């Protein structure tokens, strides 16, 4: 069975505003408040992303310093052994 051809229609600003007004009547949360909620969720997601990135940087720095400390300790132990055995 052949489907009828559908034409695409561009919505004008007036069409969009009419739809928004109709949805405002039908929903319990007004459009502007709903939009503000979405903006706030976007802010929360961005904040969480920055927090995760910061924690990853901290982990990398702590790991790097751990390697430096371990190598320094190993070097100090070898130096102490060399000093004691080469007297």
Protein backbone atom coordinates (compact mmCIF):
# COMPACT_ATOMS: atom_id res chain seq x y z
CA UNK A 1 0.00 0.00 0.00
CA UNK A 2 1.41 3.32 -1.02
CA UNK A 3 1.75 6.08 1.58
CA UNK A 4 0.43 9.51 0.66
CA UNK A 5 3.15 12.08 0.12
CA UNK A 6 3.58 14.46 3.06
CA UNK A 7 4.67 18.01 2.51
CA UNK A 8 7.12 19.58 4.92
CA UNK A 9 5.98 22.82 6.44
CA UNK A 10 8.08 25.46 8.09
CA UNK A 11 6.64 26.94 11.24
CA UNK A 12 6.57 30.68 11.60
CA UNK A 13 7.21 32.48 14.88
CA UNK A 14 3.46 33.01 15.18
CA UNK A 15 2.86 29.27 14.81
CA UNK A 16 5.43 28.51 17.49
CA UNK A 17 3.94 31.08 19.88
CA UNK A 18 0.45 29.66 19.28
CA UNK A 19 1.70 26.15 20.10
CA UNK A 20 3.49 27.40 23.21
CA UNK A 21 0.33 29.15 24.39
CA UNK A 22 -1.74 26.02 23.78
CA UNK A 23 0.75 23.90 25.71
CA UNK A 24 0.80 26.44 28.56
CA UNK A 25 -2.95 26.03 28.96
CA UNK A 26 -2.69 22.24 28.93
CA UNK A 27 0.33 21.77 31.22
CA UNK A 28 0.69 22.51 34.86
CA UNK A 29 4.15 24.11 34.49
CA UNK A 30 4.28 27.29 32.37
CA UNK A 31 6.65 27.32 29.40
CA UNK A 32 9.03 29.92 30.85
CA UNK A 33 9.37 28.00 34.11
CA UNK A 34 9.90 24.78 32.17
CA UNK A 35 12.62 26.49 30.10
CA UNK A 36 14.27 27.77 33.29
CA UNK A 37 14.26 24.23 34.67
CA UNK A 38 16.04 23.01 31.56
CA UNK A 39 18.62 25.79 31.85
CA UNK A 40 19.20 24.88 35.51
CA UNK A 41 19.67 21.21 34.62
CA UNK A 42 22.18 22.30 31.98
CA UNK A 43 24.06 24.26 34.64
CA UNK A 44 24.07 21.22 36.95
CA UNK A 45 25.38 18.98 34.17
CA UNK A 46 28.15 21.45 33.33
CA UNK A 47 29.07 21.73 37.02
CA UNK A 48 29.24 17.94 37.36
CA UNK A 49 31.39 17.69 34.23
CA UNK A 50 33.84 20.27 35.63
CA UNK A 51 33.93 18.41 38.97
CA UNK A 52 34.73 15.10 37.28
CA UNK A 53 37.46 16.74 35.17
CA UNK A 54 38.94 18.35 38.28
CA UNK A 55 38.96 15.03 40.14
CA UNK A 56 40.70 13.33 37.20
CA UNK A 57 43.40 16.03 37.21
CA UNK A 58 43.86 15.61 40.97
CA UNK A 59 44.19 11.83 40.59
CA UNK A 60 46.79 12.27 37.85
CA UNK A 61 48.77 14.78 39.96
CA UNK A 62 48.67 12.60 43.08
CA UNK A 63 49.79 9.57 41.07
CA UNK A 64 52.63 11.51 39.51
CA UNK A 65 53.82 12.81 42.86
CA UNK A 66 53.58 9.29 44.29
CA UNK A 67 55.99 8.05 41.62
CA UNK A 68 58.38 10.94 42.34
CA UNK A 69 58.29 10.24 46.09
CA UNK A 70 58.87 6.50 45.53
CA UNK A 71 61.86 7.16 43.27
CA UNK A 72 63.28 9.70 45.72
CA UNK A 73 62.93 7.20 48.59
CA UNK A 74 64.57 4.49 46.52
CA UNK A 75 67.40 6.85 45.59
CA UNK A 76 67.92 7.83 49.24
CA UNK A 77 68.02 4.16 50.28
CA UNK A 78 70.55 3.32 47.58
CA UNK A 79 72.66 6.35 48.55
CA UNK A 80 72.61 5.33 52.22
CA UNK A 81 73.61 1.75 51.29
CA UNK A 82 76.44 2.98 49.07
CA UNK A 83 77.76 5.32 51.80
CA UNK A 84 77.73 2.52 54.41
CA UNK A 85 79.40 -0.09 52.21
CA UNK A 86 82.06 2.09 50.57
CA UNK A 87 83.76 3.27 53.78
